Structure formats: structure tokens, C-alpha cells
PDB file of N, CA and C in Angstrom:
ATOM      1  N   UNK A   1       0.863  -1.163   0.000  1.00  0.00           N
ATOM      2  CA  UNK A   1       0.000   0.000   0.000  1.00  0.00           C
ATOM      3  C   UNK A   1       0.903   1.216   0.000  1.00  0.00           C
ATOM      4  N   UNK A   2       0.545   2.204  -0.791  1.00  0.00           N
ATOM      5  CA  UNK A   2       1.316   3.442  -0.811  1.00  0.00           C
ATOM      6  C   UNK A   2       0.369   4.628  -0.790  1.00  0.00           C
ATOM      7  N   UNK A   3       0.896   5.750  -0.335  1.00  0.00           N
ATOM      8  CA  UNK A   3       0.105   6.978  -0.292  1.00  0.00           C
ATOM      9  C   UNK A   3       0.915   8.076  -0.965  1.00  0.00           C
ATOM     10  N   UNK A   4       0.247   8.829  -1.822  1.00  0.00           N
ATOM     11  CA  UNK A   4       0.933   9.918  -2.530  1.00  0.00           C
ATOM     12  C   UNK A   4       0.834  11.241  -1.789  1.00  0.00           C
ATOM     13  N   UNK A   5      -0.309  11.506  -1.215  1.00  0.00           N
ATOM     14  CA  UNK A   5      -0.537  12.747  -0.488  1.00  0.00           C
ATOM     15  C   UNK A   5       0.284  12.734   0.804  1.00  0.00           C
ATOM     16  N   UNK A   6       0.981  13.824   1.111  1.00  0.00           N
ATOM     17  CA  UNK A   6       1.798  13.856   2.334  1.00  0.00           C
ATOM     18  C   UNK A   6       1.006  13.568   3.615  1.00  0.00           C
ATOM     19  N   UNK A   7      -0.241  14.080   3.690  1.00  0.00           N
ATOM     20  CA  UNK A   7      -1.046  13.791   4.878  1.00  0.00           C
ATOM     21  C   UNK A   7      -1.358  12.315   4.979  1.00  0.00           C
ATOM     22  N   UNK A   8      -1.720  11.702   3.859  1.00  0.00           N
ATOM     23  CA  UNK A   8      -2.051  10.281   3.878  1.00  0.00           C
ATOM     24  C   UNK A   8      -0.808   9.437   4.175  1.00  0.00           C
ATOM     25  N   UNK A   9       0.359   9.905   3.764  1.00  0.00           N
ATOM     26  CA  UNK A   9       1.601   9.204   4.083  1.00  0.00           C
ATOM     27  C   UNK A   9       1.800   9.150   5.594  1.00  0.00           C
ATOM     28  N   UNK A  10       1.484  10.249   6.277  1.00  0.00           N
ATOM     29  CA  UNK A  10       1.587  10.273   7.737  1.00  0.00           C
ATOM     30  C   UNK A  10       0.661   9.266   8.388  1.00  0.00           C
ATOM     31  N   UNK A  11      -0.585   9.204   7.891  1.00  0.00           N
ATOM     32  CA  UNK A  11      -1.536   8.235   8.436  1.00  0.00           C
ATOM     33  C   UNK A  11      -1.086   6.803   8.144  1.00  0.00           C
ATOM     34  N   UNK A  12      -0.609   6.566   6.936  1.00  0.00           N
ATOM     35  CA  UNK A  12      -0.158   5.227   6.574  1.00  0.00           C
ATOM     36  C   UNK A  12       1.024   4.803   7.440  1.00  0.00           C
ATOM     37  N   UNK A  13       1.933   5.719   7.705  1.00  0.00           N
ATOM     38  CA  UNK A  13       3.071   5.420   8.575  1.00  0.00           C
ATOM     39  C   UNK A  13       2.585   5.025   9.960  1.00  0.00           C
ATOM     40  N   UNK A  14       1.610   5.750  10.476  1.00  0.00           N
ATOM     41  CA  UNK A  14       1.065   5.440  11.805  1.00  0.00           C
ATOM     42  C   UNK A  14       0.386   4.068  11.798  1.00  0.00           C
ATOM     43  N   UNK A  15      -0.375   3.765  10.760  1.00  0.00           N
ATOM     44  CA  UNK A  15      -1.060   2.480  10.667  1.00  0.00           C
ATOM     45  C   UNK A  15      -0.044   1.343  10.632  1.00  0.00           C
ATOM     46  N   UNK A  16       0.990   1.487   9.825  1.00  0.00           N
ATOM     47  CA  UNK A  16       2.008   0.436   9.729  1.00  0.00           C
ATOM     48  C   UNK A  16       2.709   0.220  11.070  1.00  0.00           C
ATOM     49  N   UNK A  17       2.915   1.309  11.811  1.00  0.00           N
ATOM     50  CA  UNK A  17       3.557   1.186  13.115  1.00  0.00           C
ATOM     51  C   UNK A  17       2.644   0.462  14.106  1.00  0.00           C
ATOM     52  N   UNK A  18       1.352   0.735  14.060  1.00  0.00           N
ATOM     53  CA  UNK A  18       0.407   0.151  15.006  1.00  0.00           C
ATOM     54  C   UNK A  18      -0.018  -1.275  14.657  1.00  0.00           C
ATOM     55  N   UNK A  19       0.128  -1.667  13.402  1.00  0.00           N
ATOM     56  CA  UNK A  19      -0.387  -2.976  12.983  1.00  0.00           C
ATOM     57  C   UNK A  19       0.297  -4.128  13.703  1.00  0.00           C
ATOM     58  N   UNK A  20       1.522  -3.952  14.138  1.00  0.00           N
ATOM     59  CA  UNK A  20       2.233  -5.035  14.822  1.00  0.00           C
ATOM     60  C   UNK A  20       1.619  -5.356  16.182  1.00  0.00           C
ATOM     61  N   UNK A  21       0.760  -4.486  16.701  1.00  0.00           N
ATOM     62  CA  UNK A  21       0.135  -4.713  18.004  1.00  0.00           C
ATOM     63  C   UNK A  21      -1.130  -5.564  17.922  1.00  0.00           C
ATOM     64  N   UNK A  22      -1.517  -5.959  16.711  1.00  0.00           N
ATOM     65  CA  UNK A  22      -2.717  -6.766  16.512  1.00  0.00           C
ATOM     66  C   UNK A  22      -2.347  -8.175  16.077  1.00  0.00           C
ATOM     67  N   UNK A  23      -3.162  -9.149  16.480  1.00  0.00           N
ATOM     68  CA  UNK A  23      -2.936 -10.529  16.046  1.00  0.00           C
ATOM     69  C   UNK A  23      -3.222 -10.685  14.558  1.00  0.00           C
ATOM     70  N   UNK A  24      -4.246  -9.994  14.087  1.00  0.00           N
ATOM     71  CA  UNK A  24      -4.638 -10.067  12.685  1.00  0.00           C
ATOM     72  C   UNK A  24      -4.897  -8.646  12.201  1.00  0.00           C
ATOM     73  N   UNK A  25      -4.451  -8.347  10.982  1.00  0.00           N
ATOM     74  CA  UNK A  25      -4.584  -6.984  10.482  1.00  0.00           C
ATOM     75  C   UNK A  25      -4.691  -7.016   8.969  1.00  0.00           C
ATOM     76  N   UNK A  26      -5.705  -6.330   8.422  1.00  0.00           N
ATOM     77  CA  UNK A  26      -5.868  -6.213   6.974  1.00  0.00           C
ATOM     78  C   UNK A  26      -6.100  -4.746   6.659  1.00  0.00           C
ATOM     79  N   UNK A  27      -5.309  -4.219   5.759  1.00  0.00           N
ATOM     80  CA  UNK A  27      -5.455  -2.832   5.311  1.00  0.00           C
ATOM     81  C   UNK A  27      -5.854  -2.867   3.848  1.00  0.00           C
ATOM     82  N   UNK A  28      -6.985  -2.252   3.539  1.00  0.00           N
ATOM     83  CA  UNK A  28      -7.413  -2.250   2.144  1.00  0.00           C
ATOM     84  C   UNK A  28      -7.904  -0.862   1.762  1.00  0.00           C
ATOM     85  N   UNK A  29      -7.644  -0.495   0.538  1.00  0.00           N
ATOM     86  CA  UNK A  29      -8.071   0.799   0.000  1.00  0.00           C
ATOM     87  C   UNK A  29      -9.499   0.658  -0.523  1.00  0.00           C
ATOM     88  N   UNK A  30     -10.366   1.549  -0.105  1.00  0.00           N
ATOM     89  CA  UNK A  30     -11.744   1.562  -0.597  1.00  0.00           C
ATOM     90  C   UNK A  30     -11.875   2.771  -1.513  1.00  0.00           C
ATOM     91  N   UNK A  31     -12.014   2.527  -2.812  1.00  0.00           N
ATOM     92  CA  UNK A  31     -12.168   3.661  -3.726  1.00  0.00           C
ATOM     93  C   UNK A  31     -13.482   4.381  -3.456  1.00  0.00           C
ATOM     94  N   UNK A  32     -13.540   5.641  -3.808  1.00  0.00           N
ATOM     95  CA  UNK A  32     -14.744   6.440  -3.566  1.00  0.00           C
ATOM     96  C   UNK A  32     -15.979   5.774  -4.181  1.00  0.00           C
ATOM     97  N   UNK A  33     -15.812   5.165  -5.341  1.00  0.00           N
ATOM     98  CA  UNK A  33     -16.960   4.513  -5.987  1.00  0.00           C
ATOM     99  C   UNK A  33     -17.449   3.308  -5.186  1.00  0.00           C
ATOM    100  N   UNK A  34     -16.605   2.748  -4.338  1.00  0.00           N
ATOM    101  CA  UNK A  34     -17.000   1.606  -3.524  1.00  0.00           C
ATOM    102  C   UNK A  34     -17.519   2.007  -2.164  1.00  0.00           C
ATOM    103  N   UNK A  35     -17.686   3.287  -1.940  1.00  0.00           N
ATOM    104  CA  UNK A  35     -18.115   3.785  -0.645  1.00  0.00           C
ATOM    105  C   UNK A  35     -19.483   4.458  -0.746  1.00  0.00           C
ATOM    106  N   UNK A  36     -20.294   4.023  -1.702  1.00  0.00           N
ATOM    107  CA  UNK A  36     -21.579   4.688  -1.943  1.00  0.00           C
ATOM    108  C   UNK A  36     -22.547   4.521  -0.784  1.00  0.00           C
ATOM    109  N   UNK A  37     -22.487   3.394  -0.065  1.00  0.00           N
ATOM    110  CA  UNK A  37     -23.402   3.185   1.058  1.00  0.00           C
ATOM    111  C   UNK A  37     -23.178   4.247   2.133  1.00  0.00           C
ATOM    112  N   UNK A  38     -21.921   4.471   2.500  1.00  0.00           N
ATOM    113  CA  UNK A  38     -21.614   5.482   3.515  1.00  0.00           C
ATOM    114  C   UNK A  38     -21.986   6.876   3.014  1.00  0.00           C
ATOM    115  N   UNK A  39     -21.741   7.145   1.735  1.00  0.00           N
ATOM    116  CA  UNK A  39     -22.117   8.443   1.166  1.00  0.00           C
ATOM    117  C   UNK A  39     -23.635   8.636   1.206  1.00  0.00           C
ATOM    118  N   UNK A  40     -24.386   7.574   0.925  1.00  0.00           N
ATOM    119  CA  UNK A  40     -25.845   7.667   0.961  1.00  0.00           C
ATOM    120  C   UNK A  40     -26.347   7.945   2.371  1.00  0.00           C
ATOM    121  N   UNK A  41     -25.762   7.263   3.362  1.00  0.00           N
ATOM    122  CA  UNK A  41     -26.165   7.515   4.741  1.00  0.00           C
ATOM    123  C   UNK A  41     -25.865   8.953   5.141  1.00  0.00           C
ATOM    124  N   UNK A  42     -24.699   9.442   4.759  1.00  0.00           N
ATOM    125  CA  UNK A  42     -24.338  10.820   5.096  1.00  0.00           C
ATOM    126  C   UNK A  42     -25.299  11.808   4.439  1.00  0.00           C
ATOM    127  N   UNK A  43     -25.661  11.550   3.195  1.00  0.00           N
ATOM    128  CA  UNK A  43     -26.599  12.417   2.485  1.00  0.00           C
ATOM    129  C   UNK A  43     -27.964  12.392   3.156  1.00  0.00           C
ATOM    130  N   UNK A  44     -28.407  11.204   3.534  1.00  0.00           N
ATOM    131  CA  UNK A  44     -29.714  11.076   4.175  1.00  0.00           C
ATOM    132  C   UNK A  44     -29.743  11.830   5.499  1.00  0.00           C
ATOM    133  N   UNK A  45     -28.702  11.697   6.280  1.00  0.00           N
ATOM    134  CA  UNK A  45     -28.651  12.366   7.576  1.00  0.00           C
ATOM    135  C   UNK A  45     -28.676  13.879   7.400  1.00  0.00           C
ATOM    136  N   UNK A  46     -27.894  14.393   6.476  1.00  0.00           N
ATOM    137  CA  UNK A  46     -27.828  15.843   6.320  1.00  0.00           C
ATOM    138  C   UNK A  46     -29.079  16.409   5.672  1.00  0.00           C
ATOM    139  N   UNK A  47     -29.816  15.600   4.931  1.00  0.00           N
ATOM    140  CA  UNK A  47     -30.998  16.127   4.257  1.00  0.00           C
ATOM    141  C   UNK A  47     -32.279  15.952   5.052  1.00  0.00           C
ATOM    142  N   UNK A  48     -32.300  15.016   6.016  1.00  0.00           N
ATOM    143  CA  UNK A  48     -33.574  14.749   6.686  1.00  0.00           C
ATOM    144  C   UNK A  48     -33.535  14.952   8.190  1.00  0.00           C
ATOM    145  N   UNK A  49     -32.422  15.325   8.740  1.00  0.00           N
ATOM    146  CA  UNK A  49     -32.350  15.523  10.183  1.00  0.00           C
ATOM    147  C   UNK A  49     -33.212  16.721  10.572  1.00  0.00           C
ATOM    148  N   UNK A  50     -34.227  16.471  11.361  1.00  0.00           N
ATOM    149  CA  UNK A  50     -35.134  17.542  11.740  1.00  0.00           C
ATOM    150  C   UNK A  50     -34.688  18.116  13.068  1.00  0.00           C
ATOM    151  N   UNK A  51     -34.760  19.412  13.179  1.00  0.00           N
ATOM    152  CA  UNK A  51     -34.357  20.065  14.402  1.00  0.00           C
ATOM    153  C   UNK A  51     -32.860  20.306  14.484  1.00  0.00           C
ATOM    154  N   UNK A  52     -32.124  19.877  13.482  1.00  0.00           N
ATOM    155  CA  UNK A  52     -30.684  20.095  13.468  1.00  0.00           C
ATOM    156  C   UNK A  52     -30.346  21.126  12.401  1.00  0.00           C
ATOM    157  N   UNK A  53     -29.348  21.954  12.643  1.00  0.00           N
ATOM    158  CA  UNK A  53     -28.962  22.915  11.608  1.00  0.00           C
ATOM    159  C   UNK A  53     -28.421  22.173  10.387  1.00  0.00           C
ATOM    160  N   UNK A  54     -28.713  22.656   9.202  1.00  0.00           N
ATOM    161  CA  UNK A  54     -28.252  22.022   7.974  1.00  0.00           C
ATOM    162  C   UNK A  54     -26.884  22.567   7.594  1.00  0.00           C
ATOM    163  N   UNK A  55     -25.931  22.306   8.464  1.00  0.00           N
ATOM    164  CA  UNK A  55     -24.569  22.764   8.267  1.00  0.00           C
ATOM    165  C   UNK A  55     -23.653  21.557   8.358  1.00  0.00           C
ATOM    166  N   UNK A  56     -22.729  21.460   7.452  1.00  0.00           N
ATOM    167  CA  UNK A  56     -21.737  20.396   7.516  1.00  0.00           C
ATOM    168  C   UNK A  56     -20.415  21.048   7.888  1.00  0.00           C
ATOM    169  N   UNK A  57     -19.916  20.689   9.054  1.00  0.00           N
ATOM    170  CA  UNK A  57     -18.654  21.244   9.509  1.00  0.00           C
ATOM    171  C   UNK A  57     -17.513  20.384   8.961  1.00  0.00           C
ATOM    172  N   UNK A  58     -16.525  21.042   8.404  1.00  0.00           N
ATOM    173  CA  UNK A  58     -15.383  20.346   7.836  1.00  0.00           C
ATOM    174  C   UNK A  58     -14.136  20.870   8.527  1.00  0.00           C
ATOM    175  N   UNK A  59     -13.322  19.947   9.013  1.00  0.00           N
ATOM    176  CA  UNK A  59     -12.069  20.333   9.639  1.00  0.00           C
ATOM    177  C   UNK A  59     -10.945  19.921   8.704  1.00  0.00           C
ATOM    178  N   UNK A  60     -10.159  20.875   8.276  1.00  0.00           N
ATOM    179  CA  UNK A  60      -9.035  20.598   7.390  1.00  0.00           C
ATOM    180  C   UNK A  60      -7.792  20.455   8.250  1.00  0.00           C
ATOM    181  N   UNK A  61      -7.273  19.244   8.330  1.00  0.00           N
ATOM    182  CA  UNK A  61      -6.073  18.993   9.110  1.00  0.00           C
ATOM    183  C   UNK A  61      -4.865  19.329   8.253  1.00  0.00           C
ATOM    184  N   UNK A  62      -4.075  20.262   8.730  1.00  0.00           N
ATOM    185  CA  UNK A  62      -2.915  20.693   7.960  1.00  0.00           C
ATOM    186  C   UNK A  62      -1.755  19.721   8.076  1.00  0.00           C
ATOM    187  N   UNK A  63      -1.776  18.877   9.078  1.00  0.00           N
ATOM    188  CA  UNK A  63      -0.747  17.852   9.222  1.00  0.00           C
ATOM    189  C   UNK A  63      -1.389  16.626   9.837  1.00  0.00           C
ATOM    190  N   UNK A  64      -0.799  15.468   9.656  1.00  0.00           N
ATOM    191  CA  UNK A  64      -1.403  14.244  10.194  1.00  0.00           C
ATOM    192  C   UNK A  64      -1.620  14.340  11.705  1.00  0.00           C
ATOM    193  N   UNK A  65      -2.767  13.865  12.134  1.00  0.00           N
ATOM    194  CA  UNK A  65      -3.087  13.860  13.556  1.00  0.00           C
ATOM    195  C   UNK A  65      -2.541  12.568  14.153  1.00  0.00           C
ATOM    196  N   UNK A  66      -1.281  12.536  14.397  1.00  0.00           N
ATOM    197  CA  UNK A  66      -0.646  11.333  14.921  1.00  0.00           C
ATOM    198  C   UNK A  66      -1.010  11.171  16.387  1.00  0.00           C
ATOM    199  N   UNK A  67      -1.289   9.954  16.771  1.00  0.00           N
ATOM    200  CA  UNK A  67      -1.713   9.671  18.139  1.00  0.00           C
ATOM    201  C   UNK A  67      -0.547   9.863  19.102  1.00  0.00           C
ATOM    202  N   UNK A  68      -0.884  10.326  20.281  1.00  0.00           N
ATOM    203  CA  UNK A  68       0.118  10.471  21.325  1.00  0.00           C
ATOM    204  C   UNK A  68       0.419   9.084  21.870  1.00  0.00           C
ATOM    205  N   UNK A  69       1.685   8.806  22.083  1.00  0.00           N
ATOM    206  CA  UNK A  69       2.084   7.496  22.598  1.00  0.00           C
ATOM    207  C   UNK A  69       1.457   7.315  23.961  1.00  0.00           C
ATOM    208  N   UNK A  70       0.842   6.169  24.158  1.00  0.00           N
ATOM    209  CA  UNK A  70       0.196   5.901  25.439  1.00  0.00           C
ATOM    210  C   UNK A  70      -1.020   5.032  25.206  1.00  0.00           C
ATOM    211  N   UNK A  71      -2.001   5.206  26.042  1.00  0.00           N
ATOM    212  CA  UNK A  71      -3.215   4.406  25.968  1.00  0.00           C
ATOM    213  C   UNK A  71      -3.970   4.696  24.679  1.00  0.00           C
ATOM    214  N   UNK A  72      -4.528   3.655  24.060  1.00  0.00           N
ATOM    215  CA  UNK A  72      -5.295   3.878  22.826  1.00  0.00           C
ATOM    216  C   UNK A  72      -6.601   4.596  23.136  1.00  0.00           C
ATOM    217  N   UNK A  73      -7.096   5.338  22.160  1.00  0.00           N
ATOM    218  CA  UNK A  73      -8.374   6.027  22.308  1.00  0.00           C
ATOM    219  C   UNK A  73      -9.494   5.021  22.070  1.00  0.00           C
ATOM    220  N   UNK A  74     -10.485   5.056  22.921  1.00  0.00           N
ATOM    221  CA  UNK A  74     -11.619   4.149  22.790  1.00  0.00           C
ATOM    222  C   UNK A  74     -12.880   4.995  22.738  1.00  0.00           C
ATOM    223  N   UNK A  75     -13.700   4.764  21.728  1.00  0.00           N
ATOM    224  CA  UNK A  75     -14.953   5.491  21.582  1.00  0.00           C
ATOM    225  C   UNK A  75     -16.098   4.557  21.969  1.00  0.00           C
ATOM    226  N   UNK A  76     -16.884   4.976  22.914  1.00  0.00           N
ATOM    227  CA  UNK A  76     -18.026   4.188  23.345  1.00  0.00           C
ATOM    228  C   UNK A  76     -19.258   4.625  22.561  1.00  0.00           C
ATOM    229  N   UNK A  77     -20.030   3.655  22.122  1.00  0.00           N
ATOM    230  CA  UNK A  77     -21.265   3.966  21.418  1.00  0.00           C
ATOM    231  C   UNK A  77     -22.410   3.243  22.108  1.00  0.00           C
ATOM    232  N   UNK A  78     -23.567   3.840  22.011  1.00  0.00           N
ATOM    233  CA  UNK A  78     -24.751   3.213  22.576  1.00  0.00           C
ATOM    234  C   UNK A  78     -25.538   2.562  21.453  1.00  0.00           C
ATOM    235  N   UNK A  79     -26.026   1.396  21.718  1.00  0.00           N
ATOM    236  CA  UNK A  79     -26.855   0.706  20.740  1.00  0.00           C
ATOM    237  C   UNK A  79     -28.302   0.845  21.183  1.00  0.00           C
ATOM    238  N   UNK A  80     -29.136   1.310  20.290  1.00  0.00           N
ATOM    239  CA  UNK A  80     -30.531   1.488  20.643  1.00  0.00           C
ATOM    240  C   UNK A  80     -31.328   1.852  19.407  1.00  0.00           C
ATOM    241  N   UNK A  81     -32.589   2.203  19.598  1.00  0.00           N
ATOM    242  CA  UNK A  81     -33.424   2.574  18.456  1.00  0.00           C
ATOM    243  C   UNK A  81     -32.830   3.760  17.694  1.00  0.00           C
ATOM    244  N   UNK A  82     -32.981   3.718  16.393  1.00  0.00           N
ATOM    245  CA  UNK A  82     -32.439   4.763  15.536  1.00  0.00           C
ATOM    246  C   UNK A  82     -33.491   5.169  14.518  1.00  0.00           C
ATOM    247  N   UNK A  83     -33.346   6.374  13.974  1.00  0.00           N
ATOM    248  CA  UNK A  83     -34.272   6.869  12.956  1.00  0.00           C
ATOM    249  C   UNK A  83     -34.220   6.010  11.695  1.00  0.00           C
ATOM    250  N   UNK A  84     -33.112   5.298  11.459  1.00  0.00           N
ATOM    251  CA  UNK A  84     -32.960   4.508  10.241  1.00  0.00           C
ATOM    252  C   UNK A  84     -33.621   3.132  10.365  1.00  0.00           C
ATOM    253  N   UNK A  85     -33.967   2.712  11.588  1.00  0.00           N
ATOM    254  CA  UNK A  85     -34.543   1.378  11.796  1.00  0.00           C
ATOM    255  C   UNK A  85     -35.792   1.118  10.947  1.00  0.00           C
ATOM    256  N   UNK A  86     -36.766   2.056  10.881  1.00  0.00           N
ATOM    257  CA  UNK A  86     -37.944   1.787  10.041  1.00  0.00           C
ATOM    258  C   UNK A  86     -37.590   1.656   8.554  1.00  0.00           C
ATOM    259  N   UNK A  87     -36.601   2.416   8.088  1.00  0.00           N
ATOM    260  CA  UNK A  87     -36.183   2.325   6.681  1.00  0.00           C
ATOM    261  C   UNK A  87     -35.572   0.955   6.416  1.00  0.00           C
ATOM    262  N   UNK A  88     -34.710   0.502   7.310  1.00  0.00           N
ATOM    263  CA  UNK A  88     -34.082  -0.812   7.159  1.00  0.00           C
ATOM    264  C   UNK A  88     -35.139  -1.907   7.208  1.00  0.00           C
ATOM    265  N   UNK A  89     -36.091  -1.770   8.126  1.00  0.00           N
ATOM    266  CA  UNK A  89     -37.170  -2.757   8.238  1.00  0.00           C
ATOM    267  C   UNK A  89     -37.980  -2.835   6.948  1.00  0.00           C
ATOM    268  N   UNK A  90     -38.217  -1.679   6.314  1.00  0.00           N
ATOM    269  CA  UNK A  90     -38.954  -1.661   5.054  1.00  0.00           C
ATOM    270  C   UNK A  90     -38.131  -2.300   3.929  1.00  0.00           C
ATOM    271  N   UNK A  91     -36.845  -1.941   3.851  1.00  0.00           N
ATOM    272  CA  UNK A  91     -36.004  -2.469   2.771  1.00  0.00           C
ATOM    273  C   UNK A  91     -35.752  -3.966   2.911  1.00  0.00           C
ATOM    274  N   UNK A  92     -35.558  -4.435   4.136  1.00  0.00           N
ATOM    275  CA  UNK A  92     -35.255  -5.854   4.344  1.00  0.00           C
ATOM    276  C   UNK A  92     -36.501  -6.732   4.353  1.00  0.00           C
ATOM    277  N   UNK A  93     -37.545  -6.269   5.057  1.00  0.00           N
ATOM    278  CA  UNK A  93     -38.706  -7.134   5.307  1.00  0.00           C
ATOM    279  C   UNK A  93     -40.020  -6.608   4.762  1.00  0.00           C
ATOM    280  N   UNK A  94     -39.970  -5.459   4.057  1.00  0.00           N
ATOM    281  CA  UNK A  94     -41.176  -4.853   3.490  1.00  0.00           C
ATOM    282  C   UNK A  94     -42.215  -4.546   4.577  1.00  0.00           C
ATOM    283  N   UNK A  95     -41.746  -4.081   5.739  1.00  0.00           N
ATOM    284  CA  UNK A  95     -42.630  -3.752   6.863  1.00  0.00           C
ATOM    285  C   UNK A  95     -42.706  -2.234   7.001  1.00  0.00           C
ATOM    286  N   UNK A  96     -43.937  -1.716   7.052  1.00  0.00           N
ATOM    287  CA  UNK A  96     -44.179  -0.276   7.207  1.00  0.00           C
ATOM    288  C   UNK A  96     -45.031  -0.033   8.441  1.00  0.00           C
ATOM    289  N   UNK A  97     -44.905   1.138   9.053  1.00  0.00           N
ATOM    290  CA  UNK A  97     -45.769   1.449  10.199  1.00  0.00           C
ATOM    291  C   UNK A  97     -47.225   1.600   9.754  1.00  0.00           C
ATOM    292  N   UNK A  98     -48.128   1.489  10.706  1.00  0.00           N
ATOM    293  CA  UNK A  98     -49.555   1.592  10.403  1.00  0.00           C
ATOM    294  C   UNK A  98     -49.991   2.976   9.961  1.00  0.00           C
ATOM    295  N   UNK A  99     -49.323   4.010  10.458  1.00  0.00           N
ATOM    296  CA  UNK A  99     -49.668   5.389  10.114  1.00  0.00           C
ATOM    297  C   UNK A  99     -49.297   5.662   8.652  1.00  0.00           C
ATOM    298  N   UNK A 100     -50.288   6.057   7.838  1.00  0.00           N
ATOM    299  CA  UNK A 100     -50.075   6.235   6.403  1.00  0.00           C
ATOM    300  C   UNK A 100     -49.027   7.310   6.090  1.00  0.00           C
ATOM    301  N   UNK A 101     -49.052   8.430   6.827  1.00  0.00           N
ATOM    302  CA  UNK A 101     -48.090   9.498   6.535  1.00  0.00           C
ATOM    303  C   UNK A 101     -46.658   9.057   6.878  1.00  0.00           C
ATOM    304  N   UNK A 102     -46.502   8.317   7.979  1.00  0.00           N
ATOM    305  CA  UNK A 102     -45.170   7.800   8.328  1.00  0.00           C
ATOM    306  C   UNK A 102     -44.708   6.771   7.301  1.00  0.00           C
ATOM    307  N   UNK A 103     -45.624   5.929   6.840  1.00  0.00           N
ATOM    308  CA  UNK A 103     -45.287   4.926   5.834  1.00  0.00           C
ATOM    309  C   UNK A 103     -44.837   5.599   4.533  1.00  0.00           C
ATOM    310  N   UNK A 104     -45.516   6.675   4.147  1.00  0.00           N
ATOM    311  CA  UNK A 104     -45.129   7.412   2.935  1.00  0.00           C
ATOM    312  C   UNK A 104     -43.743   8.028   3.083  1.00  0.00           C
ATOM    313  N   UNK A 105     -43.439   8.581   4.259  1.00  0.00           N
ATOM    314  CA  UNK A 105     -42.115   9.165   4.511  1.00  0.00           C
ATOM    315  C   UNK A 105     -41.023   8.097   4.373  1.00  0.00           C
ATOM    316  N   UNK A 106     -41.284   6.930   4.926  1.00  0.00           N
ATOM    317  CA  UNK A 106     -40.287   5.854   4.873  1.00  0.00           C
ATOM    318  C   UNK A 106     -40.091   5.383   3.440  1.00  0.00           C
ATOM    319  N   UNK A 107     -41.172   5.277   2.681  1.00  0.00           N
ATOM    320  CA  UNK A 107     -41.033   4.885   1.264  1.00  0.00           C
ATOM    321  C   UNK A 107     -40.166   5.885   0.506  1.00  0.00           C
ATOM    322  N   UNK A 108     -40.387   7.184   0.748  1.00  0.00           N
ATOM    323  CA  UNK A 108     -39.581   8.210   0.069  1.00  0.00           C
ATOM    324  C   UNK A 108     -38.120   8.135   0.489  1.00  0.00           C
ATOM    325  N   UNK A 109     -37.855   7.980   1.768  1.00  0.00           N
ATOM    326  CA  UNK A 109     -36.469   7.888   2.261  1.00  0.00           C
ATOM    327  C   UNK A 109     -35.776   6.643   1.713  1.00  0.00           C
ATOM    328  N   UNK A 110     -36.502   5.551   1.615  1.00  0.00           N
ATOM    329  CA  UNK A 110     -35.898   4.277   1.208  1.00  0.00           C
ATOM    330  C   UNK A 110     -35.370   4.313  -0.222  1.00  0.00           C
ATOM    331  N   UNK A 111     -35.906   5.191  -1.053  1.00  0.00           N
ATOM    332  CA  UNK A 111     -35.426   5.255  -2.443  1.00  0.00           C
ATOM    333  C   UNK A 111     -33.983   5.721  -2.527  1.00  0.00           C
ATOM    334  N   UNK A 112     -33.500   6.367  -1.492  1.00  0.00           N
ATOM    335  CA  UNK A 112     -32.104   6.839  -1.471  1.00  0.00           C
ATOM    336  C   UNK A 112     -31.114   5.727  -1.166  1.00  0.00           C
ATOM    337  N   UNK A 113     -31.608   4.584  -0.761  1.00  0.00           N
ATOM    338  CA  UNK A 113     -30.730   3.473  -0.412  1.00  0.00           C
ATOM    339  C   UNK A 113     -30.848   2.409  -1.455  1.00  0.00           C
TER     340      UNK A 113
END
């Protein structure tokens, strides 16, 4: 694997250094065309989030954000009901809520996936 961009070279160097700490490690490049699912989710969130400002904040890192030597960073996430659950239920199992207006909203959202 190689990186041409200087910032990406910094990240790649960090990844190669950290990979020895894992029992199993696979690094693969995902081309932009192969990342359409994540792009669709991002588009859906920014276009349908109600009550949230329609602003996308972008942080331009001028140099690689190399981790400080020490304890690894761990991000905790909560698993629970999500706004996407009814869309997934419709796409996977063809299940819609009883409320006609909610069912119509889910049908419209599902076309983006």
C-alpha cells in the first residue's frame, strides 16, 4: 500500500507502526466509488435531520493527527433505536408502520438506499 498525499503518508506510517500490536490486520483501500453506502447515509442524515442545523462542519487537518504514545483512544457507542430502523425494516422485510403518513415518509427515504 502506498500513499501519494503527504497527509495520507503520515496516516499510513502510523497504521504500519500500530499494525504489529494486533494478532490479525488487513489494510485495504476503498475507492470512492465503492463507498456509496456510507455516502448515501451521510446524504440522508444531512438532508432529513429535523431540528438540526443544515450545516456540515469540515475540519481541514494541515498535518497528520498522529496519536500520542500511550493508551489507545476508545470510543463508546450506545446501541438502541435509531431513525434509520424503520427504513431498514422496510427495505429488508417490506414492513411499514400503520400510520399512512409515516409509511409514505419511509417509502420516500428508502429510495435513497
